[in-house]
PDB file of N, CA and C in Angstrom:
ATOM      1  N   MET A   1     135.285  97.326  74.364  1.00  0.00           N
ATOM      2  CA  MET A   1     136.186  97.444  75.744  1.00  0.00           C
ATOM      3  C   MET A   1     135.747  98.234  76.208  1.00  0.00           C
ATOM      4  N   PRO A   2     135.053  97.268  77.604  1.00  0.00           N
ATOM      5  CA  PRO A   2     134.789  98.530  79.091  1.00  0.00           C
ATOM      6  C   PRO A   2     135.674  98.729  79.351  1.00  0.00           C
ATOM      7  N   ASP A   3     134.899 100.402  80.230  1.00  0.00           N
ATOM      8  CA  ASP A   3     135.437 101.152  80.866  1.00  0.00           C
ATOM      9  C   ASP A   3     136.641 100.724  81.562  1.00  0.00           C
ATOM     10  N   SER A   4     136.233  99.914  82.531  1.00  0.00           N
ATOM     11  CA  SER A   4     136.646  99.424  83.416  1.00  0.00           C
ATOM     12  C   SER A   4     138.220  98.914  83.223  1.00  0.00           C
ATOM     13  N   LYS A   5     138.059  97.996  82.110  1.00  0.00           N
ATOM     14  CA  LYS A   5     139.630  97.323  81.597  1.00  0.00           C
ATOM     15  C   LYS A   5     140.514  98.418  81.344  1.00  0.00           C
ATOM     16  N   LEU A   6     140.369  99.750  80.600  1.00  0.00           N
ATOM     17  CA  LEU A   6     141.416 100.723  80.601  1.00  0.00           C
ATOM     18  C   LEU A   6     142.441 100.633  80.762  1.00  0.00           C
ATOM     19  N   ARG A   7     143.796 100.171  79.671  1.00  0.00           N
ATOM     20  CA  ARG A   7     145.033 100.211  80.822  1.00  0.00           C
ATOM     21  C   ARG A   7     145.444 101.871  79.934  1.00  0.00           C
ATOM     22  N   ILE A   8     146.592 101.996  80.719  1.00  0.00           N
ATOM     23  CA  ILE A   8     147.075 103.364  80.705  1.00  0.00           C
ATOM     24  C   ILE A   8     148.513 102.965  80.932  1.00  0.00           C
ATOM     25  N   LEU A   9     149.531 103.716  79.643  1.00  0.00           N
ATOM     26  CA  LEU A   9     150.930 103.737  80.159  1.00  0.00           C
ATOM     27  C   LEU A   9     151.683 105.257  80.419  1.00  0.00           C
ATOM     28  N   LEU A  10     151.516 105.841  81.118  1.00  0.00           N
ATOM     29  CA  LEU A  10     152.297 107.201  81.059  1.00  0.00           C
ATOM     30  C   LEU A  10     153.586 107.566  80.832  1.00  0.00           C
ATOM     31  N   ASP A  11     154.131 107.782  79.797  1.00  0.00           N
ATOM     32  CA  ASP A  11     155.387 108.189  79.513  1.00  0.00           C
ATOM     33  C   ASP A  11     156.400 108.710  80.616  1.00  0.00           C
ATOM     34  N   GLN A  12     157.466 108.574  80.560  1.00  0.00           N
ATOM     35  CA  GLN A  12     158.333 109.514  81.377  1.00  0.00           C
ATOM     36  C   GLN A  12     158.333 111.072  81.198  1.00  0.00           C
ATOM     37  N   ASN A  13     157.758 111.663  80.404  1.00  0.00           N
ATOM     38  CA  ASN A  13     158.014 112.671  80.082  1.00  0.00           C
ATOM     39  C   ASN A  13     156.543 113.464  80.862  1.00  0.00           C
ATOM     40  N   ILE A  14     155.715 112.682  81.175  1.00  0.00           N
ATOM     41  CA  ILE A  14     154.284 113.013  81.518  1.00  0.00           C
ATOM     42  C   ILE A  14     154.514 113.060  83.314  1.00  0.00           C
ATOM     43  N   PRO A  15     154.193 114.204  83.936  1.00  0.00           N
ATOM     44  CA  PRO A  15     154.291 114.436  85.338  1.00  0.00           C
ATOM     45  C   PRO A  15     153.949 113.331  86.147  1.00  0.00           C
ATOM     46  N   VAL A  16     154.469 112.598  87.029  1.00  0.00           N
ATOM     47  CA  VAL A  16     153.746 111.366  87.942  1.00  0.00           C
ATOM     48  C   VAL A  16     152.804 112.160  88.683  1.00  0.00           C
ATOM     49  N   ALA A  17     152.795 113.116  89.080  1.00  0.00           N
ATOM     50  CA  ALA A  17     151.661 114.023  89.666  1.00  0.00           C
ATOM     51  C   ALA A  17     150.194 113.936  88.724  1.00  0.00           C
ATOM     52  N   VAL A  18     150.688 113.413  87.236  1.00  0.00           N
ATOM     53  CA  VAL A  18     149.387 113.095  86.877  1.00  0.00           C
ATOM     54  C   VAL A  18     148.629 111.521  86.634  1.00  0.00           C
ATOM     55  N   ALA A  19     149.694 110.860  87.137  1.00  0.00           N
ATOM     56  CA  ALA A  19     149.358 109.573  87.361  1.00  0.00           C
ATOM     57  C   ALA A  19     148.385 109.675  88.712  1.00  0.00           C
ATOM     58  N   LYS A  20     148.923 109.762  89.355  1.00  0.00           N
ATOM     59  CA  LYS A  20     148.115 110.218  90.851  1.00  0.00           C
ATOM     60  C   LYS A  20     146.830 110.910  90.625  1.00  0.00           C
ATOM     61  N   TRP A  21     146.371 111.917  90.222  1.00  0.00           N
ATOM     62  CA  TRP A  21     145.620 112.652  89.118  1.00  0.00           C
ATOM     63  C   TRP A  21     144.402 111.633  88.989  1.00  0.00           C
ATOM     64  N   LEU A  22     145.133 111.184  87.866  1.00  0.00           N
ATOM     65  CA  LEU A  22     144.180 110.403  86.597  1.00  0.00           C
ATOM     66  C   LEU A  22     143.702 109.209  87.521  1.00  0.00           C
ATOM     67  N   ARG A  23     144.461 108.460  88.397  1.00  0.00           N
ATOM     68  CA  ARG A  23     143.913 107.199  89.090  1.00  0.00           C
ATOM     69  C   ARG A  23     142.764 107.792  90.201  1.00  0.00           C
ATOM     70  N   ASN A  24     142.713 108.968  90.752  1.00  0.00           N
ATOM     71  CA  ASN A  24     141.906 109.415  91.642  1.00  0.00           C
ATOM     72  C   ASN A  24     140.060 109.514  90.641  1.00  0.00           C
ATOM     73  N   LYS A  25     140.492 110.009  89.365  1.00  0.00           N
ATOM     74  CA  LYS A  25     139.629 110.501  88.800  1.00  0.00           C
ATOM     75  C   LYS A  25     138.889 109.212  88.018  1.00  0.00           C
ATOM     76  N   ARG A  26     139.813 108.514  87.791  1.00  0.00           N
ATOM     77  CA  ARG A  26     139.495 106.750  86.885  1.00  0.00           C
ATOM     78  C   ARG A  26     140.112 105.904  88.007  1.00  0.00           C
ATOM     79  N   PRO A  27     139.595 105.617  89.150  1.00  0.00           N
ATOM     80  CA  PRO A  27     139.996 104.613  89.767  1.00  0.00           C
ATOM     81  C   PRO A  27     139.614 103.249  89.140  1.00  0.00           C
ATOM     82  N   GLN A  28     138.749 103.078  88.145  1.00  0.00           N
ATOM     83  CA  GLN A  28     138.726 102.041  88.113  1.00  0.00           C
ATOM     84  C   GLN A  28     139.554 101.358  86.591  1.00  0.00           C
ATOM     85  N   TRP A  29     140.716 102.367  86.479  1.00  0.00           N
ATOM     86  CA  TRP A  29     141.521 101.742  84.904  1.00  0.00           C
ATOM     87  C   TRP A  29     142.977 101.542  85.837  1.00  0.00           C
ATOM     88  N   ARG A  30     143.234 100.817  85.307  1.00  0.00           N
ATOM     89  CA  ARG A  30     144.524 100.549  85.172  1.00  0.00           C
ATOM     90  C   ARG A  30     145.788 101.491  85.172  1.00  0.00           C
ATOM     91  N   ILE A  31     146.286 102.172  85.515  1.00  0.00           N
ATOM     92  CA  ILE A  31     146.960 103.206  84.952  1.00  0.00           C
ATOM     93  C   ILE A  31     148.866 103.101  85.841  1.00  0.00           C
ATOM     94  N   ASP A  32     149.504 102.917  85.217  1.00  0.00           N
ATOM     95  CA  ASP A  32     151.039 102.696  85.269  1.00  0.00           C
ATOM     96  C   ASP A  32     151.564 103.652  85.055  1.00  0.00           C
ATOM     97  N   HIS A  33     152.798 104.165  85.431  1.00  0.00           N
ATOM     98  CA  HIS A  33     153.564 105.347  84.653  1.00  0.00           C
ATOM     99  C   HIS A  33     154.895 104.798  84.821  1.00  0.00           C
ATOM    100  N   VAL A  34     155.824 104.889  84.053  1.00  0.00           N
ATOM    101  CA  VAL A  34     157.267 104.265  83.680  1.00  0.00           C
ATOM    102  C   VAL A  34     157.706 104.591  84.383  1.00  0.00           C
ATOM    103  N   LYS A  35     157.986 105.887  85.363  1.00  0.00           N
ATOM    104  CA  LYS A  35     158.997 106.209  87.003  1.00  0.00           C
ATOM    105  C   LYS A  35     158.528 105.080  87.789  1.00  0.00           C
ATOM    106  N   GLU A  36     157.294 105.090  88.248  1.00  0.00           N
ATOM    107  CA  GLU A  36     156.997 103.935  88.950  1.00  0.00           C
ATOM    108  C   GLU A  36     157.082 102.367  88.497  1.00  0.00           C
ATOM    109  N   LEU A  37     157.189 102.193  87.282  1.00  0.00           N
ATOM    110  CA  LEU A  37     157.579 100.371  86.800  1.00  0.00           C
ATOM    111  C   LEU A  37     158.828 100.429  86.893  1.00  0.00           C
ATOM    112  N   GLY A  38     159.619 101.590  87.903  1.00  0.00           N
ATOM    113  CA  GLY A  38     161.402 101.287  87.284  1.00  0.00           C
ATOM    114  C   GLY A  38     161.937 101.359  85.340  1.00  0.00           C
ATOM    115  N   PHE A  39     161.156 101.650  84.734  1.00  0.00           N
ATOM    116  CA  PHE A  39     161.297 102.114  83.234  1.00  0.00           C
ATOM    117  C   PHE A  39     161.831 102.896  83.163  1.00  0.00           C
ATOM    118  N   SER A  40     162.686 104.073  83.844  1.00  0.00           N
ATOM    119  CA  SER A  40     163.171 105.455  83.406  1.00  0.00           C
ATOM    120  C   SER A  40     164.112 105.293  82.690  1.00  0.00           C
ATOM    121  N   GLY A  41     164.578 105.960  81.589  1.00  0.00           N
ATOM    122  CA  GLY A  41     165.611 105.679  80.948  1.00  0.00           C
ATOM    123  C   GLY A  41     165.373 104.548  79.442  1.00  0.00           C
ATOM    124  N   LYS A  42     164.471 104.077  79.929  1.00  0.00           N
ATOM    125  CA  LYS A  42     164.200 102.524  78.961  1.00  0.00           C
ATOM    126  C   LYS A  42     163.630 103.178  77.464  1.00  0.00           C
ATOM    127  N   PRO A  43     164.301 102.787  76.212  1.00  0.00           N
ATOM    128  CA  PRO A  43     164.076 103.377  74.877  1.00  0.00           C
ATOM    129  C   PRO A  43     162.849 103.374  74.716  1.00  0.00           C
ATOM    130  N   ASP A  44     162.037 104.252  73.729  1.00  0.00           N
ATOM    131  CA  ASP A  44     160.700 103.774  73.410  1.00  0.00           C
ATOM    132  C   ASP A  44     160.305 102.833  72.619  1.00  0.00           C
ATOM    133  N   GLU A  45     161.253 101.569  72.174  1.00  0.00           N
ATOM    134  CA  GLU A  45     161.165 100.596  71.568  1.00  0.00           C
ATOM    135  C   GLU A  45     160.449  99.555  72.561  1.00  0.00           C
ATOM    136  N   PHE A  46     161.262  99.921  73.961  1.00  0.00           N
ATOM    137  CA  PHE A  46     160.941  98.835  75.024  1.00  0.00           C
ATOM    138  C   PHE A  46     159.483  98.960  75.658  1.00  0.00           C
ATOM    139  N   LEU A  47     159.214 100.590  75.787  1.00  0.00           N
ATOM    140  CA  LEU A  47     157.580 100.965  76.301  1.00  0.00           C
ATOM    141  C   LEU A  47     156.619 100.445  75.143  1.00  0.00           C
ATOM    142  N   TYR A  48     157.184 100.578  73.993  1.00  0.00           N
ATOM    143  CA  TYR A  48     156.294 100.300  72.953  1.00  0.00           C
ATOM    144  C   TYR A  48     155.879  99.189  73.097  1.00  0.00           C
ATOM    145  N   SER A  49     157.003  98.368  72.833  1.00  0.00           N
ATOM    146  CA  SER A  49     156.585  96.397  73.079  1.00  0.00           C
ATOM    147  C   SER A  49     156.289  96.125  74.335  1.00  0.00           C
ATOM    148  N   TRP A  50     156.165  96.927  75.558  1.00  0.00           N
ATOM    149  CA  TRP A  50     155.550  96.749  77.412  1.00  0.00           C
ATOM    150  C   TRP A  50     154.226  97.079  76.796  1.00  0.00           C
ATOM    151  N   ALA A  51     153.760  98.118  76.210  1.00  0.00           N
ATOM    152  CA  ALA A  51     152.520  98.666  75.940  1.00  0.00           C
ATOM    153  C   ALA A  51     151.446  98.078  75.560  1.00  0.00           C
ATOM    154  N   GLN A  52     152.528  96.635  74.360  1.00  0.00           N
ATOM    155  CA  GLN A  52     151.492  96.207  73.169  1.00  0.00           C
ATOM    156  C   GLN A  52     151.228  95.142  74.013  1.00  0.00           C
ATOM    157  N   LYS A  53     151.757  94.485  74.884  1.00  0.00           N
ATOM    158  CA  LYS A  53     152.041  93.065  75.608  1.00  0.00           C
ATOM    159  C   LYS A  53     151.235  93.160  76.467  1.00  0.00           C
ATOM    160  N   GLN A  54     150.891  94.388  76.835  1.00  0.00           N
ATOM    161  CA  GLN A  54     149.921  94.880  78.372  1.00  0.00           C
ATOM    162  C   GLN A  54     148.438  95.207  77.739  1.00  0.00           C
ATOM    163  N   LYS A  55     148.604  95.525  76.539  1.00  0.00           N
ATOM    164  CA  LYS A  55     147.384  96.021  76.409  1.00  0.00           C
ATOM    165  C   LYS A  55     146.480  97.497  76.487  1.00  0.00           C
ATOM    166  N   ALA A  56     147.867  98.443  76.609  1.00  0.00           N
ATOM    167  CA  ALA A  56     147.950 100.031  77.065  1.00  0.00           C
ATOM    168  C   ALA A  56     148.145 100.520  76.330  1.00  0.00           C
ATOM    169  N   VAL A  57     147.155 101.689  76.604  1.00  0.00           N
ATOM    170  CA  VAL A  57     147.108 103.026  75.602  1.00  0.00           C
ATOM    171  C   VAL A  57     148.184 104.107  76.242  1.00  0.00           C
ATOM    172  N   VAL A  58     149.414 104.270  75.329  1.00  0.00           N
ATOM    173  CA  VAL A  58     150.317 105.039  76.015  1.00  0.00           C
ATOM    174  C   VAL A  58     150.463 106.314  75.905  1.00  0.00           C
ATOM    175  N   ILE A  59     150.206 107.849  76.790  1.00  0.00           N
ATOM    176  CA  ILE A  59     150.375 108.830  76.527  1.00  0.00           C
ATOM    177  C   ILE A  59     151.503 109.304  77.187  1.00  0.00           C
ATOM    178  N   THR A  60     151.622 110.523  75.909  1.00  0.00           N
ATOM    179  CA  THR A  60     153.125 110.794  76.340  1.00  0.00           C
ATOM    180  C   THR A  60     152.927 111.891  75.470  1.00  0.00           C
ATOM    181  N   TYR A  61     154.704 112.723  75.723  1.00  0.00           N
ATOM    182  CA  TYR A  61     154.731 114.104  74.891  1.00  0.00           C
ATOM    183  C   TYR A  61     155.629 114.152  73.591  1.00  0.00           C
ATOM    184  N   ASP A  62     155.854 112.359  73.694  1.00  0.00           N
ATOM    185  CA  ASP A  62     157.039 112.148  72.512  1.00  0.00           C
ATOM    186  C   ASP A  62     156.275 111.876  71.374  1.00  0.00           C
ATOM    187  N   GLU A  63     156.915 113.032  70.451  1.00  0.00           N
ATOM    188  CA  GLU A  63     155.959 112.858  68.997  1.00  0.00           C
ATOM    189  C   GLU A  63     156.871 111.331  68.059  1.00  0.00           C
ATOM    190  N   ASP A  64     157.828 111.004  68.809  1.00  0.00           N
ATOM    191  CA  ASP A  64     157.940 109.544  67.865  1.00  0.00           C
ATOM    192  C   ASP A  64     156.661 108.676  68.364  1.00  0.00           C
ATOM    193  N   PHE A  65     156.245 107.796  69.095  1.00  0.00           N
ATOM    194  CA  PHE A  65     155.058 107.263  69.319  1.00  0.00           C
ATOM    195  C   PHE A  65     153.888 107.581  68.465  1.00  0.00           C
ATOM    196  N   ALA A  66     154.211 109.192  67.964  1.00  0.00           N
ATOM    197  CA  ALA A  66     152.268 109.271  66.809  1.00  0.00           C
ATOM    198  C   ALA A  66     153.264 109.399  64.869  1.00  0.00           C
ATOM    199  N   ASP A  67     154.646 109.094  65.223  1.00  0.00           N
ATOM    200  CA  ASP A  67     155.235 109.035  64.122  1.00  0.00           C
ATOM    201  C   ASP A  67     154.857 107.638  63.093  1.00  0.00           C
ATOM    202  N   ALA A  68     154.510 107.533  62.260  1.00  0.00           N
ATOM    203  CA  ALA A  68     153.868 106.115  61.694  1.00  0.00           C
ATOM    204  C   ALA A  68     154.726 105.930  60.431  1.00  0.00           C
ATOM    205  N   ARG A  69     155.896 106.455  60.573  1.00  0.00           N
ATOM    206  CA  ARG A  69     157.319 105.444  60.086  1.00  0.00           C
ATOM    207  C   ARG A  69     157.973 104.707  61.095  1.00  0.00           C
ATOM    208  N   MET A  70     157.650 105.137  62.511  1.00  0.00           N
ATOM    209  CA  MET A  70     158.357 104.032  63.568  1.00  0.00           C
ATOM    210  C   MET A  70     157.285 103.403  63.817  1.00  0.00           C
ATOM    211  N   TYR A  71     156.439 103.678  64.567  1.00  0.00           N
ATOM    212  CA  TYR A  71     154.779 103.124  65.005  1.00  0.00           C
ATOM    213  C   TYR A  71     153.429 103.153  63.634  1.00  0.00           C
ATOM    214  N   PRO A  72     153.445 102.347  62.604  1.00  0.00           N
ATOM    215  CA  PRO A  72     152.844 102.835  62.162  1.00  0.00           C
ATOM    216  C   PRO A  72     151.137 102.724  62.648  1.00  0.00           C
ATOM    217  N   PHE A  73     150.879 103.337  62.195  1.00  0.00           N
ATOM    218  CA  PHE A  73     148.980 103.092  62.271  1.00  0.00           C
ATOM    219  C   PHE A  73     148.296 101.780  62.564  1.00  0.00           C
ATOM    220  N   GLY A  74     147.951 101.717  63.684  1.00  0.00           N
ATOM    221  CA  GLY A  74     147.400  99.986  63.373  1.00  0.00           C
ATOM    222  C   GLY A  74     147.719  99.044  64.151  1.00  0.00           C
ATOM    223  N   SER A  75     149.383  99.289  64.421  1.00  0.00           N
ATOM    224  CA  SER A  75     150.514  98.366  64.849  1.00  0.00           C
ATOM    225  C   SER A  75     150.409  98.474  66.373  1.00  0.00           C
ATOM    226  N   HIS A  76     149.417  99.584  66.958  1.00  0.00           N
ATOM    227  CA  HIS A  76     149.879  99.819  68.370  1.00  0.00           C
ATOM    228  C   HIS A  76     148.156  99.334  68.982  1.00  0.00           C
ATOM    229  N   HIS A  77     148.354  99.596  70.209  1.00  0.00           N
ATOM    230  CA  HIS A  77     146.909  99.446  71.354  1.00  0.00           C
ATOM    231  C   HIS A  77     146.621 100.779  71.000  1.00  0.00           C
ATOM    232  N   GLY A  78     147.035 101.924  70.962  1.00  0.00           N
ATOM    233  CA  GLY A  78     146.893 103.197  71.478  1.00  0.00           C
ATOM    234  C   GLY A  78     147.480 104.195  71.525  1.00  0.00           C
ATOM    235  N   VAL A  79     147.262 105.371  71.254  1.00  0.00           N
ATOM    236  CA  VAL A  79     148.612 105.808  71.485  1.00  0.00           C
ATOM    237  C   VAL A  79     147.844 107.773  71.775  1.00  0.00           C
ATOM    238  N   ILE A  80     148.415 108.267  72.667  1.00  0.00           N
ATOM    239  CA  ILE A  80     147.697 109.604  72.938  1.00  0.00           C
ATOM    240  C   ILE A  80     148.768 110.507  72.581  1.00  0.00           C
ATOM    241  N   ARG A  81     149.029 111.562  71.991  1.00  0.00           N
ATOM    242  CA  ARG A  81     150.616 112.338  71.899  1.00  0.00           C
ATOM    243  C   ARG A  81     150.268 113.829  72.151  1.00  0.00           C
ATOM    244  N   LEU A  82     150.243 113.860  73.730  1.00  0.00           N
ATOM    245  CA  LEU A  82     150.230 115.752  74.083  1.00  0.00           C
ATOM    246  C   LEU A  82     151.342 116.310  73.215  1.00  0.00           C
ATOM    247  N   ARG A  83     150.338 117.878  72.640  1.00  0.00           N
ATOM    248  CA  ARG A  83     150.992 118.490  71.865  1.00  0.00           C
ATOM    249  C   ARG A  83     150.815 120.340  73.147  1.00  0.00           C
ATOM    250  N   VAL A  84     150.461 120.141  74.216  1.00  0.00           N
ATOM    251  CA  VAL A  84     150.262 121.377  74.870  1.00  0.00           C
ATOM    252  C   VAL A  84     151.599 121.703  75.269  1.00  0.00           C
ATOM    253  N   TRP A  85     151.292 123.270  75.412  1.00  0.00           N
ATOM    254  CA  TRP A  85     152.124 123.792  75.972  1.00  0.00           C
ATOM    255  C   TRP A  85     151.623 125.165  76.872  1.00  0.00           C
ATOM    256  N   PRO A  86     152.475 125.498  78.139  1.00  0.00           N
ATOM    257  CA  PRO A  86     153.674 124.500  78.755  1.00  0.00           C
ATOM    258  C   PRO A  86     153.271 123.406  79.278  1.00  0.00           C
ATOM    259  N   THR A  87     154.476 121.938  79.277  1.00  0.00           N
ATOM    260  CA  THR A  87     153.918 120.907  79.308  1.00  0.00           C
ATOM    261  C   THR A  87     154.261 120.506  81.002  1.00  0.00           C
ATOM    262  N   THR A  88     153.448 121.522  81.794  1.00  0.00           N
ATOM    263  CA  THR A  88     153.451 121.472  83.331  1.00  0.00           C
ATOM    264  C   THR A  88     152.086 120.399  83.773  1.00  0.00           C
ATOM    265  N   THR A  89     152.266 120.529  84.744  1.00  0.00           N
ATOM    266  CA  THR A  89     151.474 119.495  85.567  1.00  0.00           C
ATOM    267  C   THR A  89     149.966 119.648  84.810  1.00  0.00           C
ATOM    268  N   GLU A  90     149.369 120.846  85.438  1.00  0.00           N
ATOM    269  CA  GLU A  90     147.986 121.410  85.028  1.00  0.00           C
ATOM    270  C   GLU A  90     147.845 121.217  83.699  1.00  0.00           C
ATOM    271  N   LYS A  91     148.490 121.950  83.015  1.00  0.00           N
ATOM    272  CA  LYS A  91     148.367 121.876  81.472  1.00  0.00           C
ATOM    273  C   LYS A  91     147.843 120.312  80.724  1.00  0.00           C
ATOM    274  N   THR A  92     148.571 119.810  81.673  1.00  0.00           N
ATOM    275  CA  THR A  92     149.022 118.054  81.168  1.00  0.00           C
ATOM    276  C   THR A  92     147.291 117.734  81.581  1.00  0.00           C
ATOM    277  N   LYS A  93     147.016 117.715  82.829  1.00  0.00           N
ATOM    278  CA  LYS A  93     145.748 117.818  83.431  1.00  0.00           C
ATOM    279  C   LYS A  93     144.280 118.205  82.979  1.00  0.00           C
ATOM    280  N   GLU A  94     144.572 119.066  82.213  1.00  0.00           N
ATOM    281  CA  GLU A  94     143.823 120.527  81.753  1.00  0.00           C
ATOM    282  C   GLU A  94     143.479 119.609  79.937  1.00  0.00           C
ATOM    283  N   ALA A  95     144.225 118.972  79.266  1.00  0.00           N
ATOM    284  CA  ALA A  95     144.392 118.412  78.272  1.00  0.00           C
ATOM    285  C   ALA A  95     143.844 117.001  78.529  1.00  0.00           C
ATOM    286  N   LEU A  96     144.296 116.305  79.445  1.00  0.00           N
ATOM    287  CA  LEU A  96     143.511 114.948  79.753  1.00  0.00           C
ATOM    288  C   LEU A  96     141.800 115.354  79.997  1.00  0.00           C
ATOM    289  N   GLN A  97     141.665 115.916  80.985  1.00  0.00           N
ATOM    290  CA  GLN A  97     140.247 116.547  81.199  1.00  0.00           C
ATOM    291  C   GLN A  97     139.299 116.328  79.990  1.00  0.00           C
ATOM    292  N   ARG A  98     139.973 117.480  78.908  1.00  0.00           N
ATOM    293  CA  ARG A  98     139.190 117.694  77.715  1.00  0.00           C
ATOM    294  C   ARG A  98     139.064 116.562  77.197  1.00  0.00           C
ATOM    295  N   LEU A  99     139.793 115.819  76.779  1.00  0.00           N
ATOM    296  CA  LEU A  99     139.738 114.547  76.289  1.00  0.00           C
ATOM    297  C   LEU A  99     138.739 113.517  76.424  1.00  0.00           C
ATOM    298  N   ILE A 100     139.002 113.107  78.332  1.00  0.00           N
ATOM    299  CA  ILE A 100     137.750 112.593  79.156  1.00  0.00           C
ATOM    300  C   ILE A 100     136.039 112.952  79.012  1.00  0.00           C
ATOM    301  N   LYS A 101     136.209 113.940  78.609  1.00  0.00           N
ATOM    302  CA  LYS A 101     134.822 114.965  77.821  1.00  0.00           C
ATOM    303  C   LYS A 101     134.565 114.899  76.519  1.00  0.00           C
ATOM    304  N   ALA A 102     135.520 115.015  75.413  1.00  0.00           N
ATOM    305  CA  ALA A 102     135.209 114.955  74.442  1.00  0.00           C
ATOM    306  C   ALA A 102     134.795 113.592  73.783  1.00  0.00           C
ATOM    307  N   ILE A 103     135.832 112.401  74.238  1.00  0.00           N
ATOM    308  CA  ILE A 103     135.759 111.210  73.559  1.00  0.00           C
ATOM    309  C   ILE A 103     135.515 110.521  74.401  1.00  0.00           C
ATOM    310  N   PRO A 104     134.976 109.454  74.392  1.00  0.00           N
ATOM    311  CA  PRO A 104     135.016 107.955  75.880  1.00  0.00           C
ATOM    312  C   PRO A 104     135.558 107.555  75.572  1.00  0.00           C
ATOM    313  N   SER A 105     136.225 107.096  76.609  1.00  0.00           N
ATOM    314  CA  SER A 105     137.394 106.305  76.938  1.00  0.00           C
ATOM    315  C   SER A 105     137.401 104.717  75.627  1.00  0.00           C
ATOM    316  N   THR A 106     136.036 104.345  76.042  1.00  0.00           N
ATOM    317  CA  THR A 106     136.129 103.213  74.812  1.00  0.00           C
ATOM    318  C   THR A 106     136.333 103.422  73.632  1.00  0.00           C
ATOM    319  N   ASP A 107     137.073 104.494  73.643  1.00  0.00           N
ATOM    320  CA  ASP A 107     137.306 104.760  71.853  1.00  0.00           C
ATOM    321  C   ASP A 107     138.591 105.214  72.024  1.00  0.00           C
ATOM    322  N   TRP A 108     139.280 105.346  73.104  1.00  0.00           N
ATOM    323  CA  TRP A 108     140.832 105.504  72.952  1.00  0.00           C
ATOM    324  C   TRP A 108     141.726 103.903  72.262  1.00  0.00           C
ATOM    325  N   PRO A 109     141.074 102.734  72.604  1.00  0.00           N
ATOM    326  CA  PRO A 109     142.268 101.839  72.106  1.00  0.00           C
ATOM    327  C   PRO A 109     142.538 101.633  70.622  1.00  0.00           C
ATOM    328  N   LYS A 110     143.185 101.462  69.853  1.00  0.00           N
ATOM    329  CA  LYS A 110     142.971 101.111  68.506  1.00  0.00           C
ATOM    330  C   LYS A 110     143.497 102.901  68.339  1.00  0.00           C
ATOM    331  N   SER A 111     143.437 104.166  68.511  1.00  0.00           N
ATOM    332  CA  SER A 111     143.688 105.052  67.833  1.00  0.00           C
ATOM    333  C   SER A 111     145.044 106.179  68.405  1.00  0.00           C
ATOM    334  N   LEU A 112     144.805 106.437  67.271  1.00  0.00           N
ATOM    335  CA  LEU A 112     145.975 107.683  67.574  1.00  0.00           C
ATOM    336  C   LEU A 112     144.928 109.279  67.759  1.00  0.00           C
ATOM    337  N   LEU A 113     145.299 109.676  69.108  1.00  0.00           N
ATOM    338  CA  LEU A 113     144.621 111.062  69.560  1.00  0.00           C
ATOM    339  C   LEU A 113     145.628 111.873  69.871  1.00  0.00           C
ATOM    340  N   ILE A 114     145.700 113.125  69.204  1.00  0.00           N
ATOM    341  CA  ILE A 114     146.735 114.238  69.407  1.00  0.00           C
ATOM    342  C   ILE A 114     145.769 115.676  69.745  1.00  0.00           C
ATOM    343  N   ILE A 115     146.520 115.525  71.033  1.00  0.00           N
ATOM    344  CA  ILE A 115     146.080 116.761  71.796  1.00  0.00           C
ATOM    345  C   ILE A 115     146.418 118.254  71.576  1.00  0.00           C
ATOM    346  N   ASP A 116     146.506 119.130  71.231  1.00  0.00           N
ATOM    347  CA  ASP A 116     146.985 120.813  71.740  1.00  0.00           C
ATOM    348  C   ASP A 116     146.505 120.987  72.279  1.00  0.00           C
ATOM    349  N   ASN A 117     146.704 122.588  72.413  1.00  0.00           N
ATOM    350  CA  ASN A 117     146.079 123.671  73.369  1.00  0.00           C
ATOM    351  C   ASN A 117     144.798 123.986  73.048  1.00  0.00           C
ATOM    352  N   MET A 118     144.357 124.133  71.629  1.00  0.00           N
ATOM    353  CA  MET A 118     142.670 123.802  71.267  1.00  0.00           C
ATOM    354  C   MET A 118     141.941 122.787  71.094  1.00  0.00           C
ATOM    355  N   LYS A 119     142.607 121.791  70.204  1.00  0.00           N
ATOM    356  CA  LYS A 119     142.080 120.619  69.658  1.00  0.00           C
ATOM    357  C   LYS A 119     142.135 119.526  70.287  1.00  0.00           C
ATOM    358  N   ILE A 120     141.379 118.436  69.955  1.00  0.00           N
ATOM    359  CA  ILE A 120     141.979 117.023  69.869  1.00  0.00           C
ATOM    360  C   ILE A 120     141.329 116.355  68.094  1.00  0.00           C
ATOM    361  N   ARG A 121     143.040 115.985  67.989  1.00  0.00           N
ATOM    362  CA  ARG A 121     142.247 114.805  66.326  1.00  0.00           C
ATOM    363  C   ARG A 121     142.240 113.895  66.961  1.00  0.00           C
ATOM    364  N   HIS A 122     141.304 112.929  66.395  1.00  0.00           N
ATOM    365  CA  HIS A 122     141.027 111.428  66.440  1.00  0.00           C
ATOM    366  C   HIS A 122     141.426 110.789  65.451  1.00  0.00           C
ATOM    367  N   ARG A 123     142.115 109.503  65.118  1.00  0.00           N
ATOM    368  CA  ARG A 123     142.083 109.147  64.069  1.00  0.00           C
ATOM    369  C   ARG A 123     142.225 107.147  64.635  1.00  0.00           C
ATOM    370  N   LYS A 124     140.903 107.288  64.327  1.00  0.00           N
ATOM    371  CA  LYS A 124     140.548 105.431  64.884  1.00  0.00           C
ATOM    372  C   LYS A 124     141.195 104.417  63.480  1.00  0.00           C
ATOM    373  N   ILE A 125     141.728 102.868  64.044  1.00  0.00           N
ATOM    374  CA  ILE A 125     141.440 101.708  62.956  1.00  0.00           C
ATOM    375  C   ILE A 125     139.932 102.046  62.935  1.00  0.00           C
ATOM    376  N   GLN A 126     139.582 101.492  61.664  1.00  0.00           N
ATOM    377  CA  GLN A 126     138.556 100.806  61.245  1.00  0.00           C
ATOM    378  C   GLN A 126     138.262  99.743  61.210  1.00  0.00           C
ATOM    379  N   ILE A 127     137.493  98.564  62.241  1.00  0.00           N
ATOM    380  CA  ILE A 127     137.572  97.105  62.009  1.00  0.00           C
ATOM    381  C   ILE A 127     136.740  96.831  60.764  1.00  0.00           C
ATOM    382  N   LYS A 128     136.965  96.118  60.262  1.00  0.00           N
ATOM    383  CA  LYS A 128     136.117  95.450  59.038  1.00  0.00           C
ATOM    384  C   LYS A 128     135.436  93.755  59.353  1.00  0.00           C
TER     385      LYS A 128
END
């Protein structure tokens, strides 16, 4: 998937300012925020289903999206689970900036990426 085709869905727990910042950094990406789409308060299942239909990588602080019991690895288009503290706009931007520098965005789809204050864990589906 070329970089210009990447689609991102930012969960409602991600500050809207991060969507604006990310659009500025990567204008070639399609970046949607749950609040801007009018999906505030919708259950995770709705957001997950929407993201799969749109082939969007979900960026969230919600641990449920990284839980293989709820969303089995390989069943989603991609999840980036943020575990940075505090969950401020600045810390969120810093975490995503580290991700952008460390892992090519072409590797984000079909992956589970977990970012904490120190490291990034990357699990990618192996296509046979």
